PDB file of all heavy atoms in Angstrom:
ATOM      1  N   SER A   1     -19.138 103.802 -30.040  1.00  0.00           N
ATOM      2  CA  SER A   1     -17.678 103.790 -30.165  1.00  0.00           C
ATOM      3  C   SER A   1     -17.258 102.757 -31.217  1.00  0.00           C
ATOM      4  O   SER A   1     -17.632 101.586 -31.126  1.00  0.00           O
ATOM      5  CB  SER A   1     -17.026 103.454 -28.819  1.00  0.00           C
ATOM      6  OG  SER A   1     -17.374 104.411 -27.841  1.00  0.00           O
ATOM      7  N   VAL A   2     -16.490 103.198 -32.200  1.00  0.00           N
ATOM      8  CA  VAL A   2     -16.009 102.300 -33.270  1.00  0.00           C
ATOM      9  C   VAL A   2     -14.544 101.989 -33.005  1.00  0.00           C
ATOM     10  O   VAL A   2     -13.709 102.892 -32.908  1.00  0.00           O
ATOM     11  CB  VAL A   2     -16.197 102.925 -34.661  1.00  0.00           C
ATOM     12  CG1 VAL A   2     -15.643 101.990 -35.733  1.00  0.00           C
ATOM     13  CG2 VAL A   2     -17.656 103.259 -34.903  1.00  0.00           C
ATOM     14  N   ILE A   3     -14.236 100.719 -32.898  1.00  0.00           N
ATOM     15  CA  ILE A   3     -12.860 100.256 -32.650  1.00  0.00           C
ATOM     16  C   ILE A   3     -12.438  99.344 -33.809  1.00  0.00           C
ATOM     17  O   ILE A   3     -13.106  98.350 -34.104  1.00  0.00           O
ATOM     18  CB  ILE A   3     -12.761  99.502 -31.311  1.00  0.00           C
ATOM     19  CG1 ILE A   3     -13.184 100.413 -30.149  1.00  0.00           C
ATOM     20  CG2 ILE A   3     -11.340  98.989 -31.100  1.00  0.00           C
ATOM     21  CD1 ILE A   3     -13.200  99.696 -28.816  1.00  0.00           C
ATOM     22  N   GLU A   4     -11.333  99.700 -34.465  1.00  0.00           N
ATOM     23  CA  GLU A   4     -10.795  98.867 -35.547  1.00  0.00           C
ATOM     24  C   GLU A   4      -9.608  98.086 -35.010  1.00  0.00           C
ATOM     25  O   GLU A   4      -8.690  98.649 -34.404  1.00  0.00           O
ATOM     26  CB  GLU A   4     -10.378  99.727 -36.736  1.00  0.00           C
ATOM     27  CG  GLU A   4     -11.552 100.431 -37.413  1.00  0.00           C
ATOM     28  CD  GLU A   4     -11.159 101.117 -38.708  1.00  0.00           C
ATOM     29  OE1 GLU A   4     -10.909 100.400 -39.708  1.00  0.00           O
ATOM     30  OE2 GLU A   4     -11.086 102.358 -38.715  1.00  0.00           O
ATOM     31  N   GLU A   5      -9.603  96.802 -35.243  1.00  0.00           N
ATOM     32  CA  GLU A   5      -8.581  95.902 -34.707  1.00  0.00           C
ATOM     33  C   GLU A   5      -7.879  95.166 -35.855  1.00  0.00           C
ATOM     34  O   GLU A   5      -8.514  94.758 -36.833  1.00  0.00           O
ATOM     35  CB  GLU A   5      -9.205  94.875 -33.759  1.00  0.00           C
ATOM     36  CG  GLU A   5      -9.946  95.508 -32.581  1.00  0.00           C
ATOM     37  CD  GLU A   5     -10.717  94.481 -31.772  1.00  0.00           C
ATOM     38  OE1 GLU A   5     -11.076  93.427 -32.340  1.00  0.00           O
ATOM     39  OE2 GLU A   5     -10.961  94.743 -30.584  1.00  0.00           O
ATOM     40  N   GLY A   6      -6.571  94.972 -35.668  1.00  0.00           N
ATOM     41  CA  GLY A   6      -5.815  94.177 -36.646  1.00  0.00           C
ATOM     42  C   GLY A   6      -5.828  94.769 -38.033  1.00  0.00           C
ATOM     43  O   GLY A   6      -6.181  94.102 -39.003  1.00  0.00           O
ATOM     44  N   SER A   7      -5.444  96.044 -38.172  1.00  0.00           N
ATOM     45  CA  SER A   7      -5.469  96.702 -39.479  1.00  0.00           C
ATOM     46  C   SER A   7      -4.568  95.959 -40.456  1.00  0.00           C
ATOM     47  O   SER A   7      -3.416  95.644 -40.128  1.00  0.00           O
ATOM     48  CB  SER A   7      -4.998  98.156 -39.343  1.00  0.00           C
ATOM     49  OG  SER A   7      -5.870  98.869 -38.497  1.00  0.00           O
ATOM     50  N   PRO A   8      -5.051  95.687 -41.625  1.00  0.00           N
ATOM     51  CA  PRO A   8      -4.242  94.939 -42.597  1.00  0.00           C
ATOM     52  C   PRO A   8      -3.136  95.794 -43.177  1.00  0.00           C
ATOM     53  O   PRO A   8      -3.198  97.013 -43.147  1.00  0.00           O
ATOM     54  CB  PRO A   8      -5.268  94.567 -43.679  1.00  0.00           C
ATOM     55  CG  PRO A   8      -6.272  95.675 -43.613  1.00  0.00           C
ATOM     56  CD  PRO A   8      -6.377  96.067 -42.167  1.00  0.00           C
ATOM     57  N   THR A   9      -2.113  95.120 -43.696  1.00  0.00           N
ATOM     58  CA  THR A   9      -1.045  95.841 -44.375  1.00  0.00           C
ATOM     59  C   THR A   9      -1.526  96.320 -45.730  1.00  0.00           C
ATOM     60  O   THR A   9      -2.564  95.889 -46.239  1.00  0.00           O
ATOM     61  CB  THR A   9       0.182  94.924 -44.559  1.00  0.00           C
ATOM     62  OG1 THR A   9      -0.189  93.831 -45.401  1.00  0.00           O
ATOM     63  CG2 THR A   9       0.655  94.380 -43.221  1.00  0.00           C
ATOM     64  N   GLU A  10      -0.743  97.197 -46.332  1.00  0.00           N
ATOM     65  CA  GLU A  10      -1.147  97.749 -47.633  1.00  0.00           C
ATOM     66  C   GLU A  10      -1.164  96.686 -48.715  1.00  0.00           C
ATOM     67  O   GLU A  10      -1.764  96.864 -49.756  1.00  0.00           O
ATOM     68  CB  GLU A  10      -0.188  98.868 -48.032  1.00  0.00           C
ATOM     69  CG  GLU A  10      -0.257 100.082 -47.105  1.00  0.00           C
ATOM     70  CD  GLU A  10       0.689 101.170 -47.562  1.00  0.00           C
ATOM     71  OE1 GLU A  10       1.411 100.924 -48.551  1.00  0.00           O
ATOM     72  OE2 GLU A  10       0.702 102.239 -46.939  1.00  0.00           O
ATOM     73  N   ALA A  11      -0.481  95.552 -48.480  1.00  0.00           N
ATOM     74  CA  ALA A  11      -0.408  94.502 -49.515  1.00  0.00           C
ATOM     75  C   ALA A  11      -1.730  93.775 -49.688  1.00  0.00           C
ATOM     76  O   ALA A  11      -1.948  93.108 -50.694  1.00  0.00           O
ATOM     77  CB  ALA A  11       0.690  93.507 -49.179  1.00  0.00           C
ATOM     78  N   LEU A  12      -2.617  93.875 -48.679  1.00  0.00           N
ATOM     79  CA  LEU A  12      -3.875  93.134 -48.757  1.00  0.00           C
ATOM     80  C   LEU A  12      -4.904  93.953 -49.521  1.00  0.00           C
ATOM     81  O   LEU A  12      -5.729  94.666 -48.946  1.00  0.00           O
ATOM     82  CB  LEU A  12      -4.377  92.796 -47.347  1.00  0.00           C
ATOM     83  CG  LEU A  12      -3.468  91.856 -46.556  1.00  0.00           C
ATOM     84  CD1 LEU A  12      -4.078  91.558 -45.202  1.00  0.00           C
ATOM     85  CD2 LEU A  12      -3.242  90.562 -47.318  1.00  0.00           C
ATOM     86  N   ASN A  13      -4.840  93.867 -50.833  1.00  0.00           N
ATOM     87  CA  ASN A  13      -5.775  94.560 -51.703  1.00  0.00           C
ATOM     88  C   ASN A  13      -6.748  93.548 -52.302  1.00  0.00           C
ATOM     89  O   ASN A  13      -6.485  92.348 -52.353  1.00  0.00           O
ATOM     90  CB  ASN A  13      -5.034  95.294 -52.825  1.00  0.00           C
ATOM     91  CG  ASN A  13      -4.117  96.374 -52.294  1.00  0.00           C
ATOM     92  OD1 ASN A  13      -4.407  96.995 -51.270  1.00  0.00           O
ATOM     93  ND2 ASN A  13      -2.999  96.594 -52.973  1.00  0.00           N
ATOM     94  N   VAL A  14      -7.875  94.058 -52.768  1.00  0.00           N
ATOM     95  CA  VAL A  14      -8.866  93.212 -53.428  1.00  0.00           C
ATOM     96  C   VAL A  14      -9.155  93.791 -54.802  1.00  0.00           C
ATOM     97  O   VAL A  14      -8.915  94.973 -55.065  1.00  0.00           O
ATOM     98  CB  VAL A  14     -10.185  93.119 -52.605  1.00  0.00           C
ATOM     99  CG1 VAL A  14      -9.930  92.469 -51.267  1.00  0.00           C
ATOM    100  CG2 VAL A  14     -10.812  94.487 -52.435  1.00  0.00           C
ATOM    101  N   ARG A  15      -9.667  92.940 -55.689  1.00  0.00           N
ATOM    102  CA  ARG A  15     -10.102  93.389 -57.016  1.00  0.00           C
ATOM    103  C   ARG A  15     -11.611  93.231 -57.077  1.00  0.00           C
ATOM    104  O   ARG A  15     -12.129  92.118 -56.954  1.00  0.00           O
ATOM    105  CB  ARG A  15      -9.441  92.561 -58.117  1.00  0.00           C
ATOM    106  CG  ARG A  15     -10.013  92.838 -59.503  1.00  0.00           C
ATOM    107  CD  ARG A  15      -9.328  92.024 -60.569  1.00  0.00           C
ATOM    108  NE  ARG A  15      -8.033  92.574 -60.926  1.00  0.00           N
ATOM    109  CZ  ARG A  15      -7.155  91.954 -61.707  1.00  0.00           C
ATOM    110  NH1 ARG A  15      -7.438  90.756 -62.172  1.00  0.00           N
ATOM    111  NH2 ARG A  15      -6.003  92.514 -62.002  1.00  0.00           N
ATOM    112  N   ALA A  16     -12.324  94.335 -57.259  1.00  0.00           N
ATOM    113  CA  ALA A  16     -13.786  94.288 -57.238  1.00  0.00           C
ATOM    114  C   ALA A  16     -14.339  95.559 -57.859  1.00  0.00           C
ATOM    115  O   ALA A  16     -13.600  96.488 -58.217  1.00  0.00           O
ATOM    116  CB  ALA A  16     -14.287  94.127 -55.805  1.00  0.00           C
ATOM    117  N   ASP A  17     -15.663  95.574 -58.011  1.00  0.00           N
ATOM    118  CA  ASP A  17     -16.380  96.785 -58.403  1.00  0.00           C
ATOM    119  C   ASP A  17     -16.502  97.650 -57.152  1.00  0.00           C
ATOM    120  O   ASP A  17     -17.329  97.396 -56.279  1.00  0.00           O
ATOM    121  CB  ASP A  17     -17.761  96.408 -58.964  1.00  0.00           C
ATOM    122  CG  ASP A  17     -18.485  97.606 -59.562  1.00  0.00           C
ATOM    123  OD1 ASP A  17     -18.314  98.722 -59.028  1.00  0.00           O
ATOM    124  OD2 ASP A  17     -19.247  97.425 -60.521  1.00  0.00           O
ATOM    125  N   LYS A  18     -15.673  98.667 -57.059  1.00  0.00           N
ATOM    126  CA  LYS A  18     -15.561  99.438 -55.820  1.00  0.00           C
ATOM    127  C   LYS A  18     -16.880 100.089 -55.394  1.00  0.00           C
ATOM    128  O   LYS A  18     -17.249 100.016 -54.209  1.00  0.00           O
ATOM    129  CB  LYS A  18     -14.460 100.492 -55.970  1.00  0.00           C
ATOM    130  CG  LYS A  18     -14.098 101.185 -54.656  1.00  0.00           C
ATOM    131  CD  LYS A  18     -12.884 102.077 -54.845  1.00  0.00           C
ATOM    132  CE  LYS A  18     -12.477 102.718 -53.524  1.00  0.00           C
ATOM    133  NZ  LYS A  18     -11.272 103.581 -53.685  1.00  0.00           N
ATOM    134  N   PRO A  19     -17.641 100.746 -56.289  1.00  0.00           N
ATOM    135  CA  PRO A  19     -18.915 101.342 -55.849  1.00  0.00           C
ATOM    136  C   PRO A  19     -19.885 100.312 -55.278  1.00  0.00           C
ATOM    137  O   PRO A  19     -20.567 100.582 -54.280  1.00  0.00           O
ATOM    138  CB  PRO A  19     -19.459 101.997 -57.120  1.00  0.00           C
ATOM    139  CG  PRO A  19     -18.251 102.255 -57.958  1.00  0.00           C
ATOM    140  CD  PRO A  19     -17.333 101.124 -57.685  1.00  0.00           C
ATOM    141  N   LEU A  20     -19.941  99.112 -55.898  1.00  0.00           N
ATOM    142  CA  LEU A  20     -20.852  98.091 -55.378  1.00  0.00           C
ATOM    143  C   LEU A  20     -20.374  97.552 -54.038  1.00  0.00           C
ATOM    144  O   LEU A  20     -21.191  97.314 -53.129  1.00  0.00           O
ATOM    145  CB  LEU A  20     -20.990  96.943 -56.387  1.00  0.00           C
ATOM    146  CG  LEU A  20     -21.915  97.187 -57.583  1.00  0.00           C
ATOM    147  CD1 LEU A  20     -21.964  95.950 -58.469  1.00  0.00           C
ATOM    148  CD2 LEU A  20     -23.314  97.553 -57.128  1.00  0.00           C
ATOM    149  N   LEU A  21     -19.053  97.367 -53.898  1.00  0.00           N
ATOM    150  CA  LEU A  21     -18.544  96.884 -52.613  1.00  0.00           C
ATOM    151  C   LEU A  21     -18.787  97.925 -51.518  1.00  0.00           C
ATOM    152  O   LEU A  21     -19.069  97.576 -50.371  1.00  0.00           O
ATOM    153  CB  LEU A  21     -17.059  96.558 -52.724  1.00  0.00           C
ATOM    154  CG  LEU A  21     -16.414  95.940 -51.475  1.00  0.00           C
ATOM    155  CD1 LEU A  21     -17.142  94.659 -51.066  1.00  0.00           C
ATOM    156  CD2 LEU A  21     -14.935  95.670 -51.702  1.00  0.00           C
ATOM    157  N   ARG A  22     -18.688  99.207 -51.869  1.00  0.00           N
ATOM    158  CA  ARG A  22     -18.991 100.261 -50.895  1.00  0.00           C
ATOM    159  C   ARG A  22     -20.441 100.138 -50.423  1.00  0.00           C
ATOM    160  O   ARG A  22     -20.737 100.284 -49.226  1.00  0.00           O
ATOM    161  CB  ARG A  22     -18.747 101.628 -51.506  1.00  0.00           C
ATOM    162  CG  ARG A  22     -19.033 102.783 -50.531  1.00  0.00           C
ATOM    163  CD  ARG A  22     -19.035 104.142 -51.205  1.00  0.00           C
ATOM    164  NE  ARG A  22     -17.716 104.488 -51.719  1.00  0.00           N
ATOM    165  CZ  ARG A  22     -17.415 104.568 -52.995  1.00  0.00           C
ATOM    166  NH1 ARG A  22     -18.338 104.280 -53.916  1.00  0.00           N
ATOM    167  NH2 ARG A  22     -16.206 104.913 -53.384  1.00  0.00           N
ATOM    168  N   ILE A  23     -21.353  99.872 -51.358  1.00  0.00           N
ATOM    169  CA  ILE A  23     -22.769  99.727 -50.987  1.00  0.00           C
ATOM    170  C   ILE A  23     -22.956  98.518 -50.075  1.00  0.00           C
ATOM    171  O   ILE A  23     -23.716  98.570 -49.095  1.00  0.00           O
ATOM    172  CB  ILE A  23     -23.624  99.607 -52.257  1.00  0.00           C
ATOM    173  CG1 ILE A  23     -23.616 100.929 -53.031  1.00  0.00           C
ATOM    174  CG2 ILE A  23     -25.057  99.196 -51.914  1.00  0.00           C
ATOM    175  CD1 ILE A  23     -24.261 100.843 -54.390  1.00  0.00           C
ATOM    176  N   ALA A  24     -22.261  97.403 -50.400  1.00  0.00           N
ATOM    177  CA  ALA A  24     -22.399  96.206 -49.561  1.00  0.00           C
ATOM    178  C   ALA A  24     -21.920  96.485 -48.141  1.00  0.00           C
ATOM    179  O   ALA A  24     -22.594  96.131 -47.155  1.00  0.00           O
ATOM    180  CB  ALA A  24     -21.609  95.052 -50.189  1.00  0.00           C
ATOM    181  N   ILE A  25     -20.740  97.114 -48.021  1.00  0.00           N
ATOM    182  CA  ILE A  25     -20.224  97.431 -46.683  1.00  0.00           C
ATOM    183  C   ILE A  25     -21.121  98.451 -45.983  1.00  0.00           C
ATOM    184  O   ILE A  25     -21.351  98.372 -44.769  1.00  0.00           O
ATOM    185  CB  ILE A  25     -18.773  97.942 -46.793  1.00  0.00           C
ATOM    186  CG1 ILE A  25     -17.870  96.820 -47.311  1.00  0.00           C
ATOM    187  CG2 ILE A  25     -18.262  98.451 -45.453  1.00  0.00           C
ATOM    188  CD1 ILE A  25     -16.431  97.244 -47.545  1.00  0.00           C
ATOM    189  N   LEU A  26     -21.651  99.406 -46.745  1.00  0.00           N
ATOM    190  CA  LEU A  26     -22.567 100.397 -46.162  1.00  0.00           C
ATOM    191  C   LEU A  26     -23.814  99.727 -45.589  1.00  0.00           C
ATOM    192  O   LEU A  26     -24.276 100.059 -44.489  1.00  0.00           O
ATOM    193  CB  LEU A  26     -22.946 101.431 -47.225  1.00  0.00           C
ATOM    194  CG  LEU A  26     -23.987 102.481 -46.817  1.00  0.00           C
ATOM    195  CD1 LEU A  26     -23.476 103.312 -45.651  1.00  0.00           C
ATOM    196  CD2 LEU A  26     -24.342 103.367 -48.002  1.00  0.00           C
ATOM    197  N   ASN A  27     -24.361  98.758 -46.336  1.00  0.00           N
ATOM    198  CA  ASN A  27     -25.556  98.061 -45.845  1.00  0.00           C
ATOM    199  C   ASN A  27     -25.257  97.289 -44.559  1.00  0.00           C
ATOM    200  O   ASN A  27     -26.056  97.298 -43.617  1.00  0.00           O
ATOM    201  CB  ASN A  27     -26.084  97.108 -46.916  1.00  0.00           C
ATOM    202  CG  ASN A  27     -26.736  97.841 -48.073  1.00  0.00           C
ATOM    203  OD1 ASN A  27     -27.044  99.033 -47.971  1.00  0.00           O
ATOM    204  ND2 ASN A  27     -26.942  97.142 -49.182  1.00  0.00           N
ATOM    205  N   VAL A  28     -24.086  96.620 -44.512  1.00  0.00           N
ATOM    206  CA  VAL A  28     -23.732  95.842 -43.323  1.00  0.00           C
ATOM    207  C   VAL A  28     -23.504  96.783 -42.131  1.00  0.00           C
ATOM    208  O   VAL A  28     -24.019  96.554 -41.016  1.00  0.00           O
ATOM    209  CB  VAL A  28     -22.482  94.983 -43.599  1.00  0.00           C
ATOM    210  CG1 VAL A  28     -21.984  94.321 -42.320  1.00  0.00           C
ATOM    211  CG2 VAL A  28     -22.788  93.922 -44.650  1.00  0.00           C
ATOM    212  N   LEU A  29     -22.743  97.853 -42.348  1.00  0.00           N
ATOM    213  CA  LEU A  29     -22.472  98.785 -41.260  1.00  0.00           C
ATOM    214  C   LEU A  29     -23.727  99.529 -40.811  1.00  0.00           C
ATOM    215  O   LEU A  29     -23.919  99.789 -39.614  1.00  0.00           O
ATOM    216  CB  LEU A  29     -21.395  99.784 -41.693  1.00  0.00           C
ATOM    217  CG  LEU A  29     -19.941  99.372 -41.462  1.00  0.00           C
ATOM    218  CD1 LEU A  29     -18.980 100.389 -42.056  1.00  0.00           C
ATOM    219  CD2 LEU A  29     -19.657  99.174 -39.990  1.00  0.00           C
ATOM    220  N   HIS A  30     -24.582  99.879 -41.765  1.00  0.00           N
ATOM    221  CA  HIS A  30     -25.817 100.571 -41.400  1.00  0.00           C
ATOM    222  C   HIS A  30     -26.693  99.677 -40.529  1.00  0.00           C
ATOM    223  O   HIS A  30     -27.308 100.138 -39.543  1.00  0.00           O
ATOM    224  CB  HIS A  30     -26.573 100.991 -42.657  1.00  0.00           C
ATOM    225  CG  HIS A  30     -27.805 101.783 -42.379  1.00  0.00           C
ATOM    226  ND1 HIS A  30     -29.062 101.216 -42.280  1.00  0.00           N
ATOM    227  CD2 HIS A  30     -27.976 103.110 -42.139  1.00  0.00           C
ATOM    228  CE1 HIS A  30     -29.952 102.146 -42.019  1.00  0.00           C
ATOM    229  NE2 HIS A  30     -29.324 103.318 -41.927  1.00  0.00           N
ATOM    230  N   ASN A  31     -26.759  98.375 -40.867  1.00  0.00           N
ATOM    231  CA  ASN A  31     -27.508  97.441 -40.025  1.00  0.00           C
ATOM    232  C   ASN A  31     -26.899  97.361 -38.632  1.00  0.00           C
ATOM    233  O   ASN A  31     -27.606  97.349 -37.619  1.00  0.00           O
ATOM    234  CB  ASN A  31     -27.513  96.045 -40.666  1.00  0.00           C
ATOM    235  CG  ASN A  31     -28.718  95.829 -41.553  1.00  0.00           C
ATOM    236  OD1 ASN A  31     -29.467  96.770 -41.815  1.00  0.00           O
ATOM    237  ND2 ASN A  31     -28.897  94.612 -42.029  1.00  0.00           N
ATOM    238  N   ALA A  32     -25.545  97.287 -38.588  1.00  0.00           N
ATOM    239  CA  ALA A  32     -24.878  97.173 -37.290  1.00  0.00           C
ATOM    240  C   ALA A  32     -25.142  98.401 -36.426  1.00  0.00           C
ATOM    241  O   ALA A  32     -25.404  98.294 -35.216  1.00  0.00           O
ATOM    242  CB  ALA A  32     -23.377  96.975 -37.495  1.00  0.00           C
ATOM    243  N   VAL A  33     -25.077  99.592 -37.045  1.00  0.00           N
ATOM    244  CA  VAL A  33     -25.329 100.820 -36.295  1.00  0.00           C
ATOM    245  C   VAL A  33     -26.797 100.915 -35.892  1.00  0.00           C
ATOM    246  O   VAL A  33     -27.135 101.316 -34.761  1.00  0.00           O
ATOM    247  CB  VAL A  33     -24.893 102.043 -37.125  1.00  0.00           C
ATOM    248  CG1 VAL A  33     -25.337 103.336 -36.445  1.00  0.00           C
ATOM    249  CG2 VAL A  33     -23.385 102.037 -37.341  1.00  0.00           C
ATOM    250  N   LYS A  34     -27.674 100.521 -36.793  1.00  0.00           N
ATOM    251  CA  LYS A  34     -29.112 100.640 -36.528  1.00  0.00           C
ATOM    252  C   LYS A  34     -29.537  99.765 -35.356  1.00  0.00           C
ATOM    253  O   LYS A  34     -30.382 100.160 -34.546  1.00  0.00           O
ATOM    254  CB  LYS A  34     -29.891 100.261 -37.799  1.00  0.00           C
ATOM    255  CG  LYS A  34     -31.396 100.364 -37.649  1.00  0.00           C
ATOM    256  CD  LYS A  34     -32.100 100.184 -38.995  1.00  0.00           C
ATOM    257  CE  LYS A  34     -31.825  98.846 -39.613  1.00  0.00           C
ATOM    258  NZ  LYS A  34     -32.615  98.627 -40.861  1.00  0.00           N
ATOM    259  N   PHE A  35     -28.965  98.582 -35.261  1.00  0.00           N
ATOM    260  CA  PHE A  35     -29.375  97.661 -34.190  1.00  0.00           C
ATOM    261  C   PHE A  35     -28.514  97.802 -32.933  1.00  0.00           C
ATOM    262  O   PHE A  35     -28.749  97.119 -31.940  1.00  0.00           O
ATOM    263  CB  PHE A  35     -29.321  96.215 -34.684  1.00  0.00           C
ATOM    264  CG  PHE A  35     -30.402  95.887 -35.673  1.00  0.00           C
ATOM    265  CD1 PHE A  35     -30.115  95.785 -37.017  1.00  0.00           C
ATOM    266  CD2 PHE A  35     -31.712  95.690 -35.249  1.00  0.00           C
ATOM    267  CE1 PHE A  35     -31.112  95.484 -37.932  1.00  0.00           C
ATOM    268  CE2 PHE A  35     -32.711  95.383 -36.162  1.00  0.00           C
ATOM    269  CZ  PHE A  35     -32.418  95.288 -37.511  1.00  0.00           C
ATOM    270  N   SER A  36     -27.490  98.668 -32.958  1.00  0.00           N
ATOM    271  CA  SER A  36     -26.639  98.851 -31.781  1.00  0.00           C
ATOM    272  C   SER A  36     -27.335  99.785 -30.776  1.00  0.00           C
ATOM    273  O   SER A  36     -27.882 100.834 -31.159  1.00  0.00           O
ATOM    274  CB  SER A  36     -25.292  99.455 -32.177  1.00  0.00           C
ATOM    275  OG  SER A  36     -24.539  98.545 -32.953  1.00  0.00           O
ATOM    276  N   PRO A  37     -27.337  99.441 -29.512  1.00  0.00           N
ATOM    277  CA  PRO A  37     -27.930 100.330 -28.502  1.00  0.00           C
ATOM    278  C   PRO A  37     -27.063 101.582 -28.297  1.00  0.00           C
ATOM    279  O   PRO A  37     -25.879 101.593 -28.628  1.00  0.00           O
ATOM    280  CB  PRO A  37     -27.969  99.462 -27.250  1.00  0.00           C
ATOM    281  CG  PRO A  37     -26.911  98.441 -27.457  1.00  0.00           C
ATOM    282  CD  PRO A  37     -26.837  98.191 -28.927  1.00  0.00           C
ATOM    283  N   THR A  38     -27.673 102.611 -27.770  1.00  0.00           N
ATOM    284  CA  THR A  38     -26.962 103.865 -27.507  1.00  0.00           C
ATOM    285  C   THR A  38     -25.828 103.628 -26.521  1.00  0.00           C
ATOM    286  O   THR A  38     -25.977 102.950 -25.497  1.00  0.00           O
ATOM    287  CB  THR A  38     -27.932 104.911 -26.948  1.00  0.00           C
ATOM    288  OG1 THR A  38     -28.993 105.102 -27.893  1.00  0.00           O
ATOM    289  CG2 THR A  38     -27.223 106.240 -26.702  1.00  0.00           C
ATOM    290  N   GLY A  39     -24.671 104.211 -26.844  1.00  0.00           N
ATOM    291  CA  GLY A  39     -23.513 104.094 -25.973  1.00  0.00           C
ATOM    292  C   GLY A  39     -22.779 102.772 -26.071  1.00  0.00           C
ATOM    293  O   GLY A  39     -21.904 102.503 -25.232  1.00  0.00           O
ATOM    294  N   SER A  40     -23.070 101.946 -27.073  1.00  0.00           N
ATOM    295  CA  SER A  40     -22.418 100.641 -27.219  1.00  0.00           C
ATOM    296  C   SER A  40     -21.149 100.762 -28.052  1.00  0.00           C
ATOM    297  O   SER A  40     -20.754 101.850 -28.476  1.00  0.00           O
ATOM    298  CB  SER A  40     -23.379  99.638 -27.871  1.00  0.00           C
ATOM    299  OG  SER A  40     -23.725 100.083 -29.170  1.00  0.00           O
ATOM    300  N   THR A  41     -20.513  99.625 -28.265  1.00  0.00           N
ATOM    301  CA  THR A  41     -19.248  99.585 -29.016  1.00  0.00           C
ATOM    302  C   THR A  41     -19.417  98.739 -30.283  1.00  0.00           C
ATOM    303  O   THR A  41     -20.006  97.649 -30.247  1.00  0.00           O
ATOM    304  CB  THR A  41     -18.117  98.996 -28.150  1.00  0.00           C
ATOM    305  OG1 THR A  41     -17.944  99.819 -26.982  1.00  0.00           O
ATOM    306  CG2 THR A  41     -16.805  98.943 -28.926  1.00  0.00           C
ATOM    307  N   LEU A  42     -18.887  99.234 -31.389  1.00  0.00           N
ATOM    308  CA  LEU A  42     -18.885  98.499 -32.661  1.00  0.00           C
ATOM    309  C   LEU A  42     -17.432  98.185 -33.008  1.00  0.00           C
ATOM    310  O   LEU A  42     -16.613  99.091 -33.194  1.00  0.00           O
ATOM    311  CB  LEU A  42     -19.530  99.337 -33.780  1.00  0.00           C
ATOM    312  CG  LEU A  42     -19.447  98.752 -35.197  1.00  0.00           C
ATOM    313  CD1 LEU A  42     -20.162  97.409 -35.283  1.00  0.00           C
ATOM    314  CD2 LEU A  42     -20.032  99.741 -36.205  1.00  0.00           C
TER     315      LEU A  42
END
């Protein structure tokens, strides 16, 4: 189960290389999912 808390407003933008930041977030989330037990909450 994925729960998102405290969604930011549209004003909170960042300036970055978007494809690379996507890879960084993908690596972090993939680790979190990989090590999460079945039926747990992220």
